[in-house]
C-alpha atoms as a PDB file:
ATOM      1  CA  UNK A   1      61.343  98.492  89.041  1.00  0.00           C
ATOM      2  CA  UNK A   2      64.836  99.894  89.595  1.00  0.00           C
ATOM      3  CA  UNK A   3      66.381  99.047  92.963  1.00  0.00           C
ATOM      4  CA  UNK A   4      69.745  99.633  94.674  1.00  0.00           C
ATOM      5  CA  UNK A   5      71.157  96.491  96.271  1.00  0.00           C
ATOM      6  CA  UNK A   6      72.329  96.789  99.886  1.00  0.00           C
ATOM      7  CA  UNK A   7      74.191  93.452  99.844  1.00  0.00           C
ATOM      8  CA  UNK A   8      75.701  90.974  97.377  1.00  0.00           C
ATOM      9  CA  UNK A   9      73.018  88.588  96.129  1.00  0.00           C
ATOM     10  CA  UNK A  10      74.178  85.573  94.171  1.00  0.00           C
ATOM     11  CA  UNK A  11      72.776  85.570  90.657  1.00  0.00           C
ATOM     12  CA  UNK A  12      71.299  89.070  91.044  1.00  0.00           C
ATOM     13  CA  UNK A  13      74.113  91.563  91.620  1.00  0.00           C
ATOM     14  CA  UNK A  14      76.668  93.152  93.899  1.00  0.00           C
ATOM     15  CA  UNK A  15      76.256  95.650  96.728  1.00  0.00           C
ATOM     16  CA  UNK A  16      75.509  99.268  95.643  1.00  0.00           C
ATOM     17  CA  UNK A  17      74.579  98.122  92.143  1.00  0.00           C
ATOM     18  CA  UNK A  18      71.432  99.496  90.462  1.00  0.00           C
ATOM     19  CA  UNK A  19      69.411  96.691  88.864  1.00  0.00           C
ATOM     20  CA  UNK A  20      66.015  96.159  87.297  1.00  0.00           C
ATOM     21  CA  UNK A  21      63.944  93.750  89.385  1.00  0.00           C
ATOM     22  CA  UNK A  22      60.356  92.673  88.896  1.00  0.00           C
ATOM     23  CA  UNK A  23      57.858  94.484  91.125  1.00  0.00           C
ATOM     24  CA  UNK A  24      56.882  91.305  92.972  1.00  0.00           C
ATOM     25  CA  UNK A  25      60.473  90.217  93.620  1.00  0.00           C
ATOM     26  CA  UNK A  26      61.376  93.658  94.928  1.00  0.00           C
ATOM     27  CA  UNK A  27      58.303  94.140  97.156  1.00  0.00           C
ATOM     28  CA  UNK A  28      57.984  90.569  98.451  1.00  0.00           C
ATOM     29  CA  UNK A  29      61.632  89.554  98.840  1.00  0.00           C
ATOM     30  CA  UNK A  30      64.222  92.331  98.527  1.00  0.00           C
ATOM     31  CA  UNK A  31      62.502  95.087 100.528  1.00  0.00           C
ATOM     32  CA  UNK A  32      61.231  92.953 103.474  1.00  0.00           C
ATOM     33  CA  UNK A  33      64.656  91.320 103.931  1.00  0.00           C
ATOM     34  CA  UNK A  34      66.323  94.752 103.725  1.00  0.00           C
ATOM     35  CA  UNK A  35      68.449  93.622 100.767  1.00  0.00           C
ATOM     36  CA  UNK A  36      67.541  96.578  98.546  1.00  0.00           C
ATOM     37  CA  UNK A  37      65.980 100.023  98.469  1.00  0.00           C
ATOM     38  CA  UNK A  38      63.976 101.686  95.728  1.00  0.00           C
ATOM     39  CA  UNK A  39      66.124 103.656  93.279  1.00  0.00           C
ATOM     40  CA  UNK A  40      64.350 106.985  93.795  1.00  0.00           C
ATOM     41  CA  UNK A  41      65.986 110.420  93.530  1.00  0.00           C
ATOM     42  CA  UNK A  42      67.041 110.595  97.199  1.00  0.00           C
ATOM     43  CA  UNK A  43      68.559 107.094  97.303  1.00  0.00           C
ATOM     44  CA  UNK A  44      70.351 107.630  93.979  1.00  0.00           C
ATOM     45  CA  UNK A  45      71.967 110.851  95.261  1.00  0.00           C
ATOM     46  CA  UNK A  46      73.089 109.030  98.455  1.00  0.00           C
ATOM     47  CA  UNK A  47      74.594 106.261  96.314  1.00  0.00           C
ATOM     48  CA  UNK A  48      76.382 108.814  94.108  1.00  0.00           C
ATOM     49  CA  UNK A  49      77.827 110.595  97.172  1.00  0.00           C
ATOM     50  CA  UNK A  50      78.999 107.275  98.626  1.00  0.00           C
ATOM     51  CA  UNK A  51      80.690 106.306  95.344  1.00  0.00           C
ATOM     52  CA  UNK A  52      82.401 109.709  95.103  1.00  0.00           C
ATOM     53  CA  UNK A  53      83.654 109.365  98.668  1.00  0.00           C
ATOM     54  CA  UNK A  54      85.033 105.869  97.982  1.00  0.00           C
ATOM     55  CA  UNK A  55      86.727 107.100  94.797  1.00  0.00           C
ATOM     56  CA  UNK A  56      88.326 110.016  96.667  1.00  0.00           C
ATOM     57  CA  UNK A  57      89.567 107.650  99.385  1.00  0.00           C
ATOM     58  CA  UNK A  58      90.971 105.266  96.762  1.00  0.00           C
ATOM     59  CA  UNK A  59      92.815 108.141  95.072  1.00  0.00           C
ATOM     60  CA  UNK A  60      94.302 109.203  98.428  1.00  0.00           C
ATOM     61  CA  UNK A  61      95.504 105.646  99.125  1.00  0.00           C
ATOM     62  CA  UNK A  62      97.043 105.386  95.657  1.00  0.00           C
ATOM     63  CA  UNK A  63      98.841 108.723  96.131  1.00  0.00           C
ATOM     64  CA  UNK A  64     100.209 107.501  99.476  1.00  0.00           C
ATOM     65  CA  UNK A  65     101.329 104.228  97.864  1.00  0.00           C
ATOM     66  CA  UNK A  66     103.180 106.157  95.142  1.00  0.00           C
ATOM     67  CA  UNK A  67     105.031 108.199  97.805  1.00  0.00           C
ATOM     68  CA  UNK A  68     106.036 105.015  99.652  1.00  0.00           C
ATOM     69  CA  UNK A  69     107.132 103.427  96.355  1.00  0.00           C
ATOM     70  CA  UNK A  70     109.357 106.432  95.677  1.00  0.00           C
ATOM     71  CA  UNK A  71     110.905 106.159  99.180  1.00  0.00           C
ATOM     72  CA  UNK A  72     111.484 102.409  98.771  1.00  0.00           C
ATOM     73  CA  UNK A  73     113.355 102.877  95.496  1.00  0.00           C
ATOM     74  CA  UNK A  74     115.996 104.985  97.324  1.00  0.00           C
ATOM     75  CA  UNK A  75     116.566 102.506 100.187  1.00  0.00           C
ATOM     76  CA  UNK A  76     119.212  99.805 100.505  1.00  0.00           C
ATOM     77  CA  UNK A  77     118.010  97.707 103.443  1.00  0.00           C
ATOM     78  CA  UNK A  78     120.851  95.839 105.186  1.00  0.00           C
ATOM     79  CA  UNK A  79     119.889  92.623 106.921  1.00  0.00           C
ATOM     80  CA  UNK A  80     122.513  90.908 109.096  1.00  0.00           C
ATOM     81  CA  UNK A  81     122.370  87.130 109.333  1.00  0.00           C
ATOM     82  CA  UNK A  82     124.580  84.277 110.477  1.00  0.00           C
ATOM     83  CA  UNK A  83     126.284  82.703 107.502  1.00  0.00           C
ATOM     84  CA  UNK A  84     128.795  79.977 106.753  1.00  0.00           C
ATOM     85  CA  UNK A  85     132.132  80.472 105.019  1.00  0.00           C
ATOM     86  CA  UNK A  86     130.754  79.641 101.569  1.00  0.00           C
ATOM     87  CA  UNK A  87     128.087  82.391 101.733  1.00  0.00           C
ATOM     88  CA  UNK A  88     125.244  80.089 102.735  1.00  0.00           C
ATOM     89  CA  UNK A  89     122.832  81.445 105.329  1.00  0.00           C
ATOM     90  CA  UNK A  90     121.739  79.451 108.357  1.00  0.00           C
ATOM     91  CA  UNK A  91     117.966  79.445 107.883  1.00  0.00           C
ATOM     92  CA  UNK A  92     116.861  82.200 105.535  1.00  0.00           C
ATOM     93  CA  UNK A  93     115.580  85.766 105.298  1.00  0.00           C
ATOM     94  CA  UNK A  94     111.793  85.776 105.106  1.00  0.00           C
ATOM     95  CA  UNK A  95     109.289  88.469 104.101  1.00  0.00           C
ATOM     96  CA  UNK A  96     108.484  88.927 107.790  1.00  0.00           C
ATOM     97  CA  UNK A  97     112.087  89.819 108.591  1.00  0.00           C
ATOM     98  CA  UNK A  98     112.224  92.271 105.667  1.00  0.00           C
ATOM     99  CA  UNK A  99     108.999  93.966 106.859  1.00  0.00           C
ATOM    100  CA  UNK A 100     110.230  94.203 110.472  1.00  0.00           C
ATOM    101  CA  UNK A 101     113.630  95.610 109.465  1.00  0.00           C
ATOM    102  CA  UNK A 102     111.990  98.161 107.148  1.00  0.00           C
ATOM    103  CA  UNK A 103     109.726  99.361 109.947  1.00  0.00           C
ATOM    104  CA  UNK A 104     112.558  99.519 112.520  1.00  0.00           C
ATOM    105  CA  UNK A 105     115.034 101.430 110.376  1.00  0.00           C
ATOM    106  CA  UNK A 106     112.836 103.604 108.139  1.00  0.00           C
ATOM    107  CA  UNK A 107     109.431 103.687 109.911  1.00  0.00           C
ATOM    108  CA  UNK A 108     107.745 102.363 106.749  1.00  0.00           C
ATOM    109  CA  UNK A 109     105.047  99.866 107.664  1.00  0.00           C
ATOM    110  CA  UNK A 110     104.414  97.222 104.988  1.00  0.00           C
ATOM    111  CA  UNK A 111     102.332  94.065 105.305  1.00  0.00           C
ATOM    112  CA  UNK A 112     104.584  90.997 105.005  1.00  0.00           C
ATOM    113  CA  UNK A 113     102.029  89.355 102.693  1.00  0.00           C
ATOM    114  CA  UNK A 114     102.571  92.109 100.136  1.00  0.00           C
ATOM    115  CA  UNK A 115     106.325  91.472  99.915  1.00  0.00           C
ATOM    116  CA  UNK A 116     106.887  89.316  96.852  1.00  0.00           C
ATOM    117  CA  UNK A 117     109.444  86.750  98.030  1.00  0.00           C
ATOM    118  CA  UNK A 118     108.772  83.406  96.368  1.00  0.00           C
ATOM    119  CA  UNK A 119     110.931  81.675  98.973  1.00  0.00           C
ATOM    120  CA  UNK A 120     113.217  82.844 101.798  1.00  0.00           C
ATOM    121  CA  UNK A 121     116.578  84.325 100.707  1.00  0.00           C
ATOM    122  CA  UNK A 122     119.305  81.784 101.413  1.00  0.00           C
ATOM    123  CA  UNK A 123     122.417  83.490 100.002  1.00  0.00           C
ATOM    124  CA  UNK A 124     124.378  86.640 100.785  1.00  0.00           C
ATOM    125  CA  UNK A 125     124.339  89.636  98.461  1.00  0.00           C
ATOM    126  CA  UNK A 126     122.116  92.386  97.069  1.00  0.00           C
ATOM    127  CA  UNK A 127     118.800  91.637  95.433  1.00  0.00           C
ATOM    128  CA  UNK A 128     115.671  93.579  94.509  1.00  0.00           C
ATOM    129  CA  UNK A 129     112.354  92.662  96.092  1.00  0.00           C
ATOM    130  CA  UNK A 130     108.968  93.806  94.801  1.00  0.00           C
ATOM    131  CA  UNK A 131     106.339  95.053  97.248  1.00  0.00           C
ATOM    132  CA  UNK A 132     102.714  95.334  96.138  1.00  0.00           C
ATOM    133  CA  UNK A 133     101.573  98.586  97.744  1.00  0.00           C
ATOM    134  CA  UNK A 134      98.274  99.164  95.908  1.00  0.00           C
ATOM    135  CA  UNK A 135      96.576  97.883  92.765  1.00  0.00           C
ATOM    136  CA  UNK A 136      98.939  98.898  89.963  1.00  0.00           C
ATOM    137  CA  UNK A 137     101.588 100.321  92.336  1.00  0.00           C
ATOM    138  CA  UNK A 138     104.594  98.095  92.951  1.00  0.00           C
ATOM    139  CA  UNK A 139     107.567  99.338  94.945  1.00  0.00           C
ATOM    140  CA  UNK A 140     111.063  97.972  94.418  1.00  0.00           C
ATOM    141  CA  UNK A 141     113.265  97.599  97.489  1.00  0.00           C
ATOM    142  CA  UNK A 142     116.923  96.614  97.408  1.00  0.00           C
ATOM    143  CA  UNK A 143     117.993  94.381 100.259  1.00  0.00           C
ATOM    144  CA  UNK A 144     121.579  93.579 101.114  1.00  0.00           C
ATOM    145  CA  UNK A 145     121.961  90.333 103.041  1.00  0.00           C
ATOM    146  CA  UNK A 146     125.267  90.458 104.897  1.00  0.00           C
ATOM    147  CA  UNK A 147     126.942  87.893 107.120  1.00  0.00           C
ATOM    148  CA  UNK A 148     127.513  88.835 110.705  1.00  0.00           C
END
């Protein structure tokens, strides 16, 4: 019997996946626990519509990420910090500070976890930082750390 899973079931399949299950397993376990529905014409068309909607939404998000990536490539973000005479920074510039400065100056909101800084920046100068905007879309932002 073909069924559409309504939830992830370990060893069986993922949510919204169409699987072949034995009649007994489907009728006595999956259906009573509301873990699956029968893969009839109506349910299959609902599943198809849901998948199309998710795909459309994903395409919209990717398009938006590409626009943001294009904007980021044209920006030189200046971050003022206290620094010593030899160019060493007191503390460091973290991903959080980069995200906050980007939002303040350019109104571009980026999650600090998506900014690819291995460790805080501890020297003055210009460097390029990668920002993971979407799967397969990575924006490059130039930051200029200046002493103040």
